[in-house]
Amino acid sequence: MNKTVLVIDDDETIRNICYKVLSKDYEVDISKTNNALERLKEKKYNLIITDVKLFDLIRKSFPETVIIVFRTYGETINHMIDGYLIKPFTVEELKNTVRKSLEKRNILNGKKIVIIDDDREIMALHRTIFELKGVHVESAYDGQDGFEKIKKCKPDLVILDAFLPKIDGFSLCEMIKKDKTLKNIAVVLLTGAIIEKKINADLFLAKPIDPYELTSKIEELLLTD
């Protein structure tokens, strides 16, 4: 069954181009801005392409839907947006943005992740966001317990804070990458410090980090892995 797509724009030319291009691969509906909310009540969509003005309302009402936003050059982008198209755009840009946005959103479903952080509030927030995306999450609050859980469940990815009790994140990352049975696991290291030595993490991210930005970066990492 084809993925369902709703294109929302007041420009008839834009709507018609999107319909013509995307209908070859998807089930596509088009709508003006003032009719969009009624359309969304009538039917569930896998992906929505919309003007930036409607983004916050649609994201709040449909958190699991992939959203691509039309924008102009230089316009600020919300980190919760799955993709964007700068007007004017080419046919290939339209097709590639839709395809990549759908692939990115689905990449986490069914994955196993171990999160290691001694901040329980941050841990709970990250767990909630990842579980909404279909991820099985194991958690640990110190490096030693975290390493045991990694060895036991062999996750697809590990997220760890740089400064942990018992075994710090830098050392834990090296332990993972030197273990023959664990070395292919992707490691994301979160740190607020300047890193002066070479660490074999697959991705470094600065703390504090918004959980939606974190998931977006991890989706990109797994998509290119």
C-alpha atoms as a PDB file:
ATOM      1  CA  MET A   1       0.000   0.000   0.000  1.00  0.00           C
ATOM      2  CA  ASN A   2       1.369   3.410  -1.010  1.00  0.00           C
ATOM      3  CA  LYS A   3       2.246   6.013   1.604  1.00  0.00           C
ATOM      4  CA  THR A   4      -0.285   8.830   1.922  1.00  0.00           C
ATOM      5  CA  VAL A   5       0.819  12.433   1.353  1.00  0.00           C
ATOM      6  CA  LEU A   6      -1.020  15.722   1.873  1.00  0.00           C
ATOM      7  CA  VAL A   7       0.316  18.873   0.195  1.00  0.00           C
ATOM      8  CA  ILE A   8      -0.894  22.134   1.756  1.00  0.00           C
ATOM      9  CA  ASP A   9      -0.231  25.399  -0.072  1.00  0.00           C
ATOM     10  CA  ASP A  10      -2.278  28.352  -1.301  1.00  0.00           C
ATOM     11  CA  ASP A  11      -0.331  28.469  -4.571  1.00  0.00           C
ATOM     12  CA  GLU A  12      -2.250  26.360  -7.091  1.00  0.00           C
ATOM     13  CA  THR A  13       0.829  25.863  -9.259  1.00  0.00           C
ATOM     14  CA  ILE A  14       2.807  24.444  -6.321  1.00  0.00           C
ATOM     15  CA  ARG A  15      -0.049  22.112  -5.387  1.00  0.00           C
ATOM     16  CA  ASN A  16      -0.424  20.817  -8.928  1.00  0.00           C
ATOM     17  CA  ILE A  17       3.310  20.265  -9.446  1.00  0.00           C
ATOM     18  CA  CYS A  18       3.571  18.312  -6.194  1.00  0.00           C
ATOM     19  CA  TYR A  19       0.529  16.233  -7.103  1.00  0.00           C
ATOM     20  CA  LYS A  20       1.839  15.412 -10.576  1.00  0.00           C
ATOM     21  CA  VAL A  21       5.338  14.476  -9.387  1.00  0.00           C
ATOM     22  CA  LEU A  22       4.464  12.563  -6.217  1.00  0.00           C
ATOM     23  CA  SER A  23       1.370  10.704  -7.469  1.00  0.00           C
ATOM     24  CA  LYS A  24       3.617   8.292  -9.348  1.00  0.00           C
ATOM     25  CA  ASP A  25       4.843   6.811  -6.053  1.00  0.00           C
ATOM     26  CA  TYR A  26       2.395   7.934  -3.358  1.00  0.00           C
ATOM     27  CA  GLU A  27      -1.303   8.434  -2.684  1.00  0.00           C
ATOM     28  CA  VAL A  28      -1.475  12.238  -2.814  1.00  0.00           C
ATOM     29  CA  ASP A  29      -4.100  14.782  -1.756  1.00  0.00           C
ATOM     30  CA  ILE A  30      -3.770  18.552  -2.106  1.00  0.00           C
ATOM     31  CA  SER A  31      -5.357  21.350  -0.101  1.00  0.00           C
ATOM     32  CA  LYS A  32      -5.412  25.084   0.430  1.00  0.00           C
ATOM     33  CA  THR A  33      -4.388  26.299   3.878  1.00  0.00           C
ATOM     34  CA  ASN A  34      -7.931  27.116   5.000  1.00  0.00           C
ATOM     35  CA  ASN A  35      -9.171  23.583   4.202  1.00  0.00           C
ATOM     36  CA  ALA A  36      -6.176  21.695   5.590  1.00  0.00           C
ATOM     37  CA  LEU A  37      -7.410  20.992   9.109  1.00  0.00           C
ATOM     38  CA  GLU A  38     -10.650  19.491   7.795  1.00  0.00           C
ATOM     39  CA  ARG A  39      -8.645  17.225   5.494  1.00  0.00           C
ATOM     40  CA  LEU A  40      -6.503  16.108   8.406  1.00  0.00           C
ATOM     41  CA  LYS A  41      -9.581  15.188  10.433  1.00  0.00           C
ATOM     42  CA  GLU A  42     -10.910  13.032   7.597  1.00  0.00           C
ATOM     43  CA  LYS A  43      -7.794  11.012   6.774  1.00  0.00           C
ATOM     44  CA  LYS A  44      -4.508   9.893   8.291  1.00  0.00           C
ATOM     45  CA  TYR A  45      -1.373  10.825   6.350  1.00  0.00           C
ATOM     46  CA  ASN A  46       2.137   9.400   6.489  1.00  0.00           C
ATOM     47  CA  LEU A  47       3.638  12.677   5.298  1.00  0.00           C
ATOM     48  CA  ILE A  48       2.482  16.289   5.108  1.00  0.00           C
ATOM     49  CA  ILE A  49       4.087  19.078   3.084  1.00  0.00           C
ATOM     50  CA  THR A  50       2.954  22.439   4.413  1.00  0.00           C
ATOM     51  CA  ASP A  51       3.615  26.123   4.823  1.00  0.00           C
ATOM     52  CA  VAL A  52       5.678  26.905   7.926  1.00  0.00           C
ATOM     53  CA  LYS A  53       2.720  28.785   9.487  1.00  0.00           C
ATOM     54  CA  LEU A  54       0.813  25.538  10.056  1.00  0.00           C
ATOM     55  CA  PHE A  55       3.768  23.518  11.284  1.00  0.00           C
ATOM     56  CA  ASP A  56       3.366  23.957  15.055  1.00  0.00           C
ATOM     57  CA  LEU A  57      -0.348  23.147  14.978  1.00  0.00           C
ATOM     58  CA  ILE A  58       0.115  20.049  12.819  1.00  0.00           C
ATOM     59  CA  ARG A  59       3.109  18.765  14.799  1.00  0.00           C
ATOM     60  CA  LYS A  60       1.208  19.129  18.075  1.00  0.00           C
ATOM     61  CA  SER A  61      -1.847  17.296  16.727  1.00  0.00           C
ATOM     62  CA  PHE A  62       0.017  14.643  14.722  1.00  0.00           C
ATOM     63  CA  PRO A  63       3.387  13.972  16.432  1.00  0.00           C
ATOM     64  CA  GLU A  64       4.047  10.763  14.496  1.00  0.00           C
ATOM     65  CA  THR A  65       3.458  12.233  11.036  1.00  0.00           C
ATOM     66  CA  VAL A  66       6.440  13.161   8.865  1.00  0.00           C
ATOM     67  CA  ILE A  67       6.312  16.894   8.114  1.00  0.00           C
ATOM     68  CA  ILE A  68       8.142  18.751   5.346  1.00  0.00           C
ATOM     69  CA  VAL A  69       7.937  22.535   5.317  1.00  0.00           C
ATOM     70  CA  PHE A  70       8.039  24.941   2.395  1.00  0.00           C
ATOM     71  CA  ARG A  71      10.363  27.819   3.244  1.00  0.00           C
ATOM     72  CA  THR A  72      12.190  30.716   1.679  1.00  0.00           C
ATOM     73  CA  TYR A  73      15.958  31.093   1.656  1.00  0.00           C
ATOM     74  CA  GLY A  74      17.314  32.289   5.017  1.00  0.00           C
ATOM     75  CA  GLU A  75      14.162  31.461   6.968  1.00  0.00           C
ATOM     76  CA  THR A  76      14.782  29.900  10.403  1.00  0.00           C
ATOM     77  CA  ILE A  77      14.085  26.159  10.630  1.00  0.00           C
ATOM     78  CA  ASN A  78      12.489  24.402  13.604  1.00  0.00           C
ATOM     79  CA  HIS A  79      14.551  21.349  14.644  1.00  0.00           C
ATOM     80  CA  MET A  80      11.349  19.251  14.864  1.00  0.00           C
ATOM     81  CA  ILE A  81      10.802  19.529  11.103  1.00  0.00           C
ATOM     82  CA  ASP A  82      11.594  16.307   9.236  1.00  0.00           C
ATOM     83  CA  GLY A  83      12.577  18.050   6.011  1.00  0.00           C
ATOM     84  CA  TYR A  84      12.205  21.291   4.091  1.00  0.00           C
ATOM     85  CA  LEU A  85      11.915  22.565   0.537  1.00  0.00           C
ATOM     86  CA  ILE A  86      13.225  25.994  -0.431  1.00  0.00           C
ATOM     87  CA  LYS A  87      11.048  27.672  -3.051  1.00  0.00           C
ATOM     88  CA  PRO A  88      11.628  27.492  -5.939  1.00  0.00           C
ATOM     89  CA  PHE A  89      12.614  23.802  -5.911  1.00  0.00           C
ATOM     90  CA  THR A  90      13.296  21.252  -8.621  1.00  0.00           C
ATOM     91  CA  VAL A  91      11.398  18.033  -9.281  1.00  0.00           C
ATOM     92  CA  GLU A  92      14.386  16.009  -8.063  1.00  0.00           C
ATOM     93  CA  GLU A  93      14.624  18.045  -4.866  1.00  0.00           C
ATOM     94  CA  LEU A  94      10.950  17.366  -4.189  1.00  0.00           C
ATOM     95  CA  LYS A  95      11.237  13.623  -4.817  1.00  0.00           C
ATOM     96  CA  ASN A  96      14.458  13.223  -2.824  1.00  0.00           C
ATOM     97  CA  THR A  97      13.240  15.252   0.155  1.00  0.00           C
ATOM     98  CA  VAL A  98      10.053  13.192   0.450  1.00  0.00           C
ATOM     99  CA  ARG A  99      11.893   9.885   0.093  1.00  0.00           C
ATOM    100  CA  LYS A 100      14.655  10.743   2.567  1.00  0.00           C
ATOM    101  CA  SER A 101      12.241  12.194   5.127  1.00  0.00           C
ATOM    102  CA  LEU A 102      10.168   8.997   5.138  1.00  0.00           C
ATOM    103  CA  GLU A 103      13.268   6.805   5.355  1.00  0.00           C
ATOM    104  CA  LYS A 104      14.699   8.866   8.209  1.00  0.00           C
ATOM    105  CA  ARG A 105      11.516   8.750  10.265  1.00  0.00           C
ATOM    106  CA  ASN A 106      11.245   4.939   9.986  1.00  0.00           C
ATOM    107  CA  ILE A 107      14.910   4.143  10.630  1.00  0.00           C
ATOM    108  CA  LEU A 108      14.546   3.950  14.428  1.00  0.00           C
ATOM    109  CA  ASN A 109      11.520   1.654  14.522  1.00  0.00           C
ATOM    110  CA  GLY A 110      12.480  -1.704  16.050  1.00  0.00           C
ATOM    111  CA  LYS A 111      16.007  -0.612  17.005  1.00  0.00           C
ATOM    112  CA  LYS A 112      17.612  -1.320  20.393  1.00  0.00           C
ATOM    113  CA  ILE A 113      19.326   1.562  22.189  1.00  0.00           C
ATOM    114  CA  VAL A 114      21.170   1.723  25.506  1.00  0.00           C
ATOM    115  CA  ILE A 115      21.145   5.176  27.135  1.00  0.00           C
ATOM    116  CA  ILE A 116      23.667   5.819  29.919  1.00  0.00           C
ATOM    117  CA  ASP A 117      23.269   9.030  31.904  1.00  0.00           C
ATOM    118  CA  ASP A 118      23.259   9.747  35.629  1.00  0.00           C
ATOM    119  CA  ASP A 119      20.659  12.505  35.206  1.00  0.00           C
ATOM    120  CA  ARG A 120      17.382  10.632  35.741  1.00  0.00           C
ATOM    121  CA  GLU A 121      15.223  13.484  34.465  1.00  0.00           C
ATOM    122  CA  ILE A 122      17.085  13.633  31.158  1.00  0.00           C
ATOM    123  CA  MET A 123      17.026   9.841  30.965  1.00  0.00           C
ATOM    124  CA  ALA A 124      13.242   9.717  31.386  1.00  0.00           C
ATOM    125  CA  LEU A 125      12.720  12.371  28.702  1.00  0.00           C
ATOM    126  CA  HIS A 126      14.973  10.634  26.186  1.00  0.00           C
ATOM    127  CA  ARG A 127      13.361   7.263  26.898  1.00  0.00           C
ATOM    128  CA  THR A 128       9.892   8.671  26.235  1.00  0.00           C
ATOM    129  CA  ILE A 129      10.884  10.264  22.923  1.00  0.00           C
ATOM    130  CA  PHE A 130      12.643   7.142  21.632  1.00  0.00           C
ATOM    131  CA  GLU A 131       9.885   4.760  22.702  1.00  0.00           C
ATOM    132  CA  LEU A 132       7.376   6.863  20.750  1.00  0.00           C
ATOM    133  CA  LYS A 133       9.463   6.049  17.677  1.00  0.00           C
ATOM    134  CA  GLY A 134       9.277   2.295  18.293  1.00  0.00           C
ATOM    135  CA  VAL A 135      12.688   1.931  19.949  1.00  0.00           C
ATOM    136  CA  HIS A 136      13.417  -0.636  22.672  1.00  0.00           C
ATOM    137  CA  VAL A 137      15.336   1.327  25.324  1.00  0.00           C
ATOM    138  CA  GLU A 138      17.623  -0.005  28.052  1.00  0.00           C
ATOM    139  CA  SER A 139      18.910   2.512  30.587  1.00  0.00           C
ATOM    140  CA  ALA A 140      21.784   2.737  33.056  1.00  0.00           C
ATOM    141  CA  TYR A 141      22.954   5.451  35.429  1.00  0.00           C
ATOM    142  CA  ASP A 142      26.672   4.608  35.603  1.00  0.00           C
ATOM    143  CA  GLY A 143      29.293   3.350  33.174  1.00  0.00           C
ATOM    144  CA  GLN A 144      29.800  -0.034  34.799  1.00  0.00           C
ATOM    145  CA  ASP A 145      26.132  -1.020  34.755  1.00  0.00           C
ATOM    146  CA  GLY A 146      25.855   0.432  31.273  1.00  0.00           C
ATOM    147  CA  PHE A 147      28.655  -1.735  29.928  1.00  0.00           C
ATOM    148  CA  GLU A 148      27.025  -4.854  31.373  1.00  0.00           C
ATOM    149  CA  LYS A 149      23.749  -3.993  29.652  1.00  0.00           C
ATOM    150  CA  ILE A 150      25.533  -3.342  26.367  1.00  0.00           C
ATOM    151  CA  LYS A 151      27.209  -6.763  26.513  1.00  0.00           C
ATOM    152  CA  LYS A 152      23.920  -8.427  27.365  1.00  0.00           C
ATOM    153  CA  CYS A 153      21.536  -6.885  24.813  1.00  0.00           C
ATOM    154  CA  LYS A 154      23.938  -6.008  21.930  1.00  0.00           C
ATOM    155  CA  PRO A 155      22.115  -2.782  20.958  1.00  0.00           C
ATOM    156  CA  ASP A 156      22.170  -1.024  17.598  1.00  0.00           C
ATOM    157  CA  LEU A 157      23.308   2.184  19.256  1.00  0.00           C
ATOM    158  CA  VAL A 158      24.590   3.527  22.587  1.00  0.00           C
ATOM    159  CA  ILE A 159      24.043   7.068  23.868  1.00  0.00           C
ATOM    160  CA  LEU A 160      26.306   7.982  26.757  1.00  0.00           C
ATOM    161  CA  ASP A 161      27.214  11.009  28.809  1.00  0.00           C
ATOM    162  CA  ALA A 162      30.909  11.861  28.917  1.00  0.00           C
ATOM    163  CA  PHE A 163      31.037  12.166  32.699  1.00  0.00           C
ATOM    164  CA  LEU A 164      29.573   9.089  34.380  1.00  0.00           C
ATOM    165  CA  PRO A 165      30.088   7.437  37.780  1.00  0.00           C
ATOM    166  CA  LYS A 166      32.371   4.356  37.991  1.00  0.00           C
ATOM    167  CA  ILE A 167      33.413   4.344  34.310  1.00  0.00           C
ATOM    168  CA  ASP A 168      33.416   7.661  32.439  1.00  0.00           C
ATOM    169  CA  GLY A 169      31.960   7.977  28.955  1.00  0.00           C
ATOM    170  CA  PHE A 170      35.320   8.407  27.220  1.00  0.00           C
ATOM    171  CA  SER A 171      36.680   5.175  28.716  1.00  0.00           C
ATOM    172  CA  LEU A 172      33.432   3.337  28.079  1.00  0.00           C
ATOM    173  CA  CYS A 173      33.485   4.358  24.428  1.00  0.00           C
ATOM    174  CA  GLU A 174      37.007   2.924  24.077  1.00  0.00           C
ATOM    175  CA  MET A 175      35.948  -0.301  25.817  1.00  0.00           C
ATOM    176  CA  ILE A 176      33.084  -0.744  23.350  1.00  0.00           C
ATOM    177  CA  LYS A 177      35.218  -0.078  20.280  1.00  0.00           C
ATOM    178  CA  LYS A 178      38.013  -2.422  21.427  1.00  0.00           C
ATOM    179  CA  ASP A 179      35.633  -5.337  22.106  1.00  0.00           C
ATOM    180  CA  LYS A 180      35.367  -7.586  19.029  1.00  0.00           C
ATOM    181  CA  THR A 181      31.722  -8.393  19.750  1.00  0.00           C
ATOM    182  CA  LEU A 182      30.704  -4.764  20.334  1.00  0.00           C
ATOM    183  CA  LYS A 183      32.908  -2.655  18.059  1.00  0.00           C
ATOM    184  CA  ASN A 184      30.262  -2.257  15.322  1.00  0.00           C
ATOM    185  CA  ILE A 185      27.746  -0.686  17.696  1.00  0.00           C
ATOM    186  CA  ALA A 186      27.244   3.013  16.942  1.00  0.00           C
ATOM    187  CA  VAL A 187      28.249   5.217  19.885  1.00  0.00           C
ATOM    188  CA  VAL A 188      26.936   8.742  20.481  1.00  0.00           C
ATOM    189  CA  LEU A 189      28.865  10.714  23.112  1.00  0.00           C
ATOM    190  CA  LEU A 190      27.193  13.678  24.814  1.00  0.00           C
ATOM    191  CA  THR A 191      29.535  16.219  26.361  1.00  0.00           C
ATOM    192  CA  GLY A 192      29.699  19.839  27.367  1.00  0.00           C
ATOM    193  CA  ALA A 193      33.496  19.766  27.488  1.00  0.00           C
ATOM    194  CA  ILE A 194      36.149  20.429  24.854  1.00  0.00           C
ATOM    195  CA  ILE A 195      37.586  17.101  23.712  1.00  0.00           C
ATOM    196  CA  GLU A 196      41.363  17.214  23.315  1.00  0.00           C
ATOM    197  CA  LYS A 197      42.104  13.524  22.856  1.00  0.00           C
ATOM    198  CA  LYS A 198      41.008  11.209  20.078  1.00  0.00           C
ATOM    199  CA  ILE A 199      37.870   9.228  20.930  1.00  0.00           C
ATOM    200  CA  ASN A 200      36.342   6.625  18.621  1.00  0.00           C
ATOM    201  CA  ALA A 201      32.727   7.718  19.049  1.00  0.00           C
ATOM    202  CA  ASP A 202      30.604   7.737  15.890  1.00  0.00           C
ATOM    203  CA  LEU A 203      28.973  11.036  16.818  1.00  0.00           C
ATOM    204  CA  PHE A 204      29.742  13.825  19.299  1.00  0.00           C
ATOM    205  CA  LEU A 205      26.923  16.107  20.438  1.00  0.00           C
ATOM    206  CA  ALA A 206      27.121  19.073  22.789  1.00  0.00           C
ATOM    207  CA  LYS A 207      25.115  19.140  26.000  1.00  0.00           C
ATOM    208  CA  PRO A 208      22.528  20.321  26.728  1.00  0.00           C
ATOM    209  CA  ILE A 209      20.712  19.018  23.656  1.00  0.00           C
ATOM    210  CA  ASP A 210      17.042  19.084  22.806  1.00  0.00           C
ATOM    211  CA  PRO A 211      15.712  15.480  22.655  1.00  0.00           C
ATOM    212  CA  TYR A 212      14.114  16.040  19.250  1.00  0.00           C
ATOM    213  CA  GLU A 213      17.415  17.304  17.856  1.00  0.00           C
ATOM    214  CA  LEU A 214      19.118  14.257  19.384  1.00  0.00           C
ATOM    215  CA  THR A 215      16.734  11.833  17.688  1.00  0.00           C
ATOM    216  CA  SER A 216      17.097  13.671  14.384  1.00  0.00           C
ATOM    217  CA  LYS A 217      20.911  13.445  14.512  1.00  0.00           C
ATOM    218  CA  ILE A 218      20.722   9.748  15.381  1.00  0.00           C
ATOM    219  CA  GLU A 219      18.298   9.077  12.531  1.00  0.00           C
ATOM    220  CA  GLU A 220      20.784  10.709  10.151  1.00  0.00           C
ATOM    221  CA  LEU A 221      23.642   8.653  11.615  1.00  0.00           C
ATOM    222  CA  LEU A 222      21.804   5.343  11.214  1.00  0.00           C
ATOM    223  CA  LEU A 223      20.582   6.261   7.743  1.00  0.00           C
ATOM    224  CA  THR A 224      24.151   6.758   6.500  1.00  0.00           C
ATOM    225  CA  ASP A 225      25.622   3.843   8.479  1.00  0.00           C
END
